[in-house]
Protein backbone atom coordinates (compact mmCIF):
# COMPACT_ATOMS: atom_id res chain seq x y z
CA MET A 1 42.01 -13.50 62.41
CA ARG A 2 44.07 -12.16 59.85
CA LYS A 3 44.03 -14.49 56.27
CA PRO A 4 47.48 -14.91 55.11
CA PHE A 5 48.76 -12.52 52.20
CA HIS A 6 48.81 -15.72 49.96
CA TYR A 7 45.47 -16.08 50.15
CA ILE A 8 43.89 -13.29 49.33
CA VAL A 9 46.39 -13.09 46.78
CA GLY A 10 44.83 -16.28 45.31
CA LEU A 11 41.50 -15.63 46.20
CA THR A 12 41.81 -12.06 44.23
CA LEU A 13 43.43 -14.00 41.25
CA VAL A 14 40.21 -16.78 40.74
CA PHE A 15 37.63 -13.66 41.06
CA THR A 16 39.55 -11.87 38.72
CA GLY A 17 40.11 -15.30 36.38
CA LEU A 18 36.23 -15.70 36.64
CA LEU A 19 35.56 -12.23 35.74
CA PHE A 20 37.95 -12.67 32.27
CA THR A 21 36.19 -15.79 31.70
CA SER A 22 32.66 -15.05 32.75
CA CYS A 23 31.90 -11.82 30.59
CA LYS A 24 34.07 -13.02 27.39
CA ASP A 25 31.86 -12.37 24.04
CA ASP A 26 32.68 -14.04 20.92
CA VAL A 27 31.62 -10.86 18.31
CA LEU A 28 30.12 -12.46 15.35
CA PRO A 29 29.01 -10.56 12.09
CA LYS A 30 25.10 -11.00 11.81
CA PRO A 31 24.53 -12.21 8.34
CA SER A 32 22.76 -9.47 6.26
CA SER A 33 19.39 -9.97 5.42
CA GLN A 34 16.16 -8.13 3.60
CA LEU A 35 12.77 -8.42 4.84
CA ARG A 36 11.21 -10.96 2.25
CA LEU A 37 7.23 -10.04 1.53
CA ASP A 38 5.35 -12.60 -0.42
CA TYR A 39 2.51 -12.31 -1.75
CA PRO A 40 0.77 -14.67 -4.12
CA VAL A 41 0.09 -14.61 -7.84
CA ALA A 42 -3.11 -12.13 -8.17
CA GLU A 43 -5.79 -14.24 -9.48
CA TYR A 44 -8.76 -12.20 -10.77
CA ALA A 45 -12.08 -12.97 -11.34
CA ALA A 46 -15.16 -10.68 -13.02
CA PHE A 47 -17.03 -8.84 -10.10
CA GLU A 48 -21.00 -8.49 -11.31
CA ASN A 49 -22.96 -6.06 -9.10
CA HIS A 50 -26.23 -4.11 -9.61
CA CYS A 51 -24.23 -1.15 -10.44
CA PRO A 52 -23.37 0.53 -14.20
CA PHE A 53 -19.91 -0.93 -14.13
CA THR A 54 -18.28 -3.59 -14.01
CA PHE A 55 -14.61 -4.76 -13.28
CA ASN A 56 -12.06 -7.79 -12.63
CA ILE A 57 -11.17 -7.96 -8.69
CA ASN A 58 -8.15 -10.23 -6.92
CA SER A 59 -9.22 -13.21 -4.98
CA GLU A 60 -7.03 -12.27 -2.18
CA ALA A 61 -9.30 -9.51 -1.82
CA VAL A 62 -12.90 -8.74 -0.04
CA ILE A 63 -15.40 -5.96 -1.46
CA LYS A 64 -18.13 -4.94 0.25
CA GLU A 65 -20.81 -1.68 -1.29
CA LYS A 66 -20.71 1.00 1.43
CA THR A 67 -23.23 3.53 -0.06
CA ASP A 68 -25.06 3.65 -3.91
CA CYS A 69 -22.32 2.18 -5.80
CA GLY A 70 -19.29 3.05 -3.76
CA PHE A 71 -17.37 0.17 -2.57
CA THR A 72 -14.18 -0.94 -0.11
CA ILE A 73 -12.09 -3.43 -1.34
CA THR A 74 -9.45 -4.56 1.47
CA TYR A 75 -6.56 -6.52 1.36
CA PRO A 76 -6.42 -8.10 4.97
CA LYS A 77 -2.61 -9.04 4.54
CA MET A 78 -1.52 -5.90 3.73
CA LYS A 79 -3.77 -3.50 6.15
CA ALA A 80 -5.06 -1.71 2.85
CA THR A 81 -8.56 -0.55 1.21
CA ILE A 82 -8.94 0.70 -1.95
CA TYR A 83 -12.25 3.34 -1.97
CA LEU A 84 -14.13 3.15 -5.04
CA THR A 85 -16.62 6.00 -5.48
CA TYR A 86 -18.84 6.55 -8.18
CA LYS A 87 -21.05 9.53 -9.64
CA SER A 88 -23.29 10.20 -12.27
CA VAL A 89 -22.16 12.81 -14.74
CA ASN A 90 -25.18 15.37 -15.27
CA GLY A 91 -23.58 18.09 -17.33
CA ASN A 92 -20.93 17.91 -14.52
CA ILE A 93 -17.78 16.54 -16.32
CA ASP A 94 -15.44 19.33 -15.26
CA LYS A 95 -16.64 19.73 -12.01
CA LEU A 96 -16.03 15.93 -11.24
CA LEU A 97 -12.07 15.86 -13.02
CA ARG A 98 -11.53 18.87 -11.13
CA ASP A 99 -12.60 17.06 -7.54
CA ALA A 100 -10.53 13.50 -8.70
CA GLN A 101 -7.39 15.73 -9.68
CA LYS A 102 -8.10 18.35 -6.88
CA LEU A 103 -7.34 15.12 -4.36
CA THR A 104 -4.73 13.96 -5.83
CA TYR A 105 -2.43 16.98 -5.91
CA GLU A 106 -3.78 17.59 -1.96
CA HIS A 107 -1.15 15.18 -1.13
CA VAL A 108 1.88 17.16 -3.03
CA ILE A 109 2.93 18.49 0.73
CA LYS A 110 4.68 15.05 1.30
CA ALA A 111 4.67 13.76 -1.78
CA ASP A 112 8.34 13.24 -3.73
CA ASP A 113 6.64 13.22 -6.96
CA ILE A 114 3.15 12.57 -8.47
CA LEU A 115 3.59 10.65 -11.61
CA GLU A 116 0.23 10.29 -14.16
CA GLN A 117 -0.69 7.58 -16.24
CA PRO A 118 -3.43 8.72 -18.88
CA PHE A 119 -6.15 5.43 -20.03
CA ILE A 120 -7.58 5.40 -23.17
CA ASN A 121 -9.78 2.54 -24.28
CA ASP A 122 -11.74 3.49 -26.72
CA GLU A 123 -13.45 0.30 -27.46
CA LYS A 124 -15.14 0.31 -23.82
CA LYS A 125 -15.64 3.95 -23.74
CA VAL A 126 -13.31 3.85 -20.77
CA TYR A 127 -11.22 6.65 -20.50
CA GLY A 128 -9.33 7.77 -17.07
CA MET A 129 -5.95 8.41 -15.07
CA PHE A 130 -3.70 6.80 -12.89
CA TYR A 131 -1.66 8.51 -10.51
CA ARG A 132 1.12 7.29 -8.56
CA VAL A 133 2.12 9.54 -5.43
CA GLY A 134 5.82 9.04 -4.42
CA GLY A 135 7.21 9.74 -1.03
CA ASN A 136 5.42 9.44 2.05
CA ALA A 137 1.95 10.63 0.91
CA ALA A 138 -1.50 9.62 2.85
CA THR A 139 -2.03 7.53 -0.53
CA ASN A 140 0.40 6.33 -3.15
CA SER A 141 -2.13 5.04 -6.03
CA GLN A 142 -5.33 6.81 -7.33
CA PHE A 143 -7.41 6.73 -10.54
CA TYR A 144 -10.65 8.23 -12.14
CA VAL A 145 -12.38 6.65 -14.78
CA THR A 146 -15.45 8.01 -17.36
CA ASP A 147 -17.28 7.74 -20.33
CA SER A 148 -17.45 11.35 -20.48
CA THR A 149 -20.99 11.67 -20.39
CA LYS A 150 -22.65 9.02 -18.20
CA HIS A 151 -20.47 7.61 -15.61
CA PHE A 152 -17.68 8.72 -13.33
CA LEU A 153 -15.42 6.40 -10.79
CA THR A 154 -13.12 7.53 -8.39
CA GLY A 155 -10.68 4.74 -6.75
CA SER A 156 -7.56 5.74 -4.09
CA VAL A 157 -5.83 2.93 -1.68
CA TYR A 158 -5.30 3.85 1.99
CA PHE A 159 -2.88 2.10 4.53
CA TYR A 160 -3.66 1.58 8.09
CA ALA A 161 0.34 2.41 9.05
CA LYS A 162 1.90 5.65 9.07
CA PRO A 163 3.19 5.97 5.81
CA ASN A 164 6.63 5.11 5.52
CA TYR A 165 6.73 4.32 1.94
CA ASP A 166 10.08 2.44 2.24
CA SER A 167 8.20 0.02 4.21
CA ILE A 168 5.20 -0.21 2.20
CA MET A 169 6.55 -0.42 -1.05
CA PRO A 170 5.95 -4.18 -1.67
CA ALA A 171 2.45 -4.13 -0.81
CA ALA A 172 2.01 -0.65 -2.39
CA ASP A 173 3.33 -2.00 -5.99
CA TYR A 174 1.31 -5.34 -5.72
CA ILE A 175 -1.84 -2.81 -4.49
CA LYS A 176 -0.85 -0.73 -7.60
CA ASN A 177 -0.83 -3.62 -9.84
CA ASP A 178 -4.94 -4.57 -8.74
CA MET A 179 -5.88 -0.86 -9.57
CA GLN A 180 -4.68 -0.67 -12.81
CA ASN A 181 -6.07 -4.20 -13.82
CA LEU A 182 -9.33 -3.04 -12.49
CA MET A 183 -8.95 -0.27 -14.74
CA GLU A 184 -8.05 -2.05 -17.96
CA SER A 185 -10.80 -5.05 -17.03
CA LEU A 186 -13.74 -2.17 -16.27
CA LYS A 187 -16.74 -2.29 -18.02
CA TRP A 188 -19.98 0.14 -18.61
CA LYS A 189 -22.99 -1.02 -18.42
């Protein structure tokens, strides 16, 4: 039995109408946005230990001793760790300085730039260098401090993520400030 022509045309118009009305998406502009990473204002407290030095540490960080006066300072919310290594100076200050500088400049392959910031505190006899490594290097902040006769301490920060400087920059800046505070507050015993 054949359907009348107007029945087929009507059915075609209904399907066409449904097709155009049911698949209509209004194009709406998306609001501009940026990733917001808020970190608490750093509160520092003195870290006392059996080692020949003390320093201030951020209350958000977790510190653990790993070796003889070597520590890890972990930031769980930022997935980052500062590694501190202590060595006694026994007439080997030149070698310790070369090793610390070599460690920093090994990142030159991935780094866009390396900024050196000398640190001198004659009153506490703390002398050193703070390195800020720009770009997608494995570490973006490192330092060493010494009294030149007995003590030598190095520190570097590593994130548990692929180095993408743009993504980790807010956390890297936060931890960089903590590392600088650590250097400035360090006292030899």
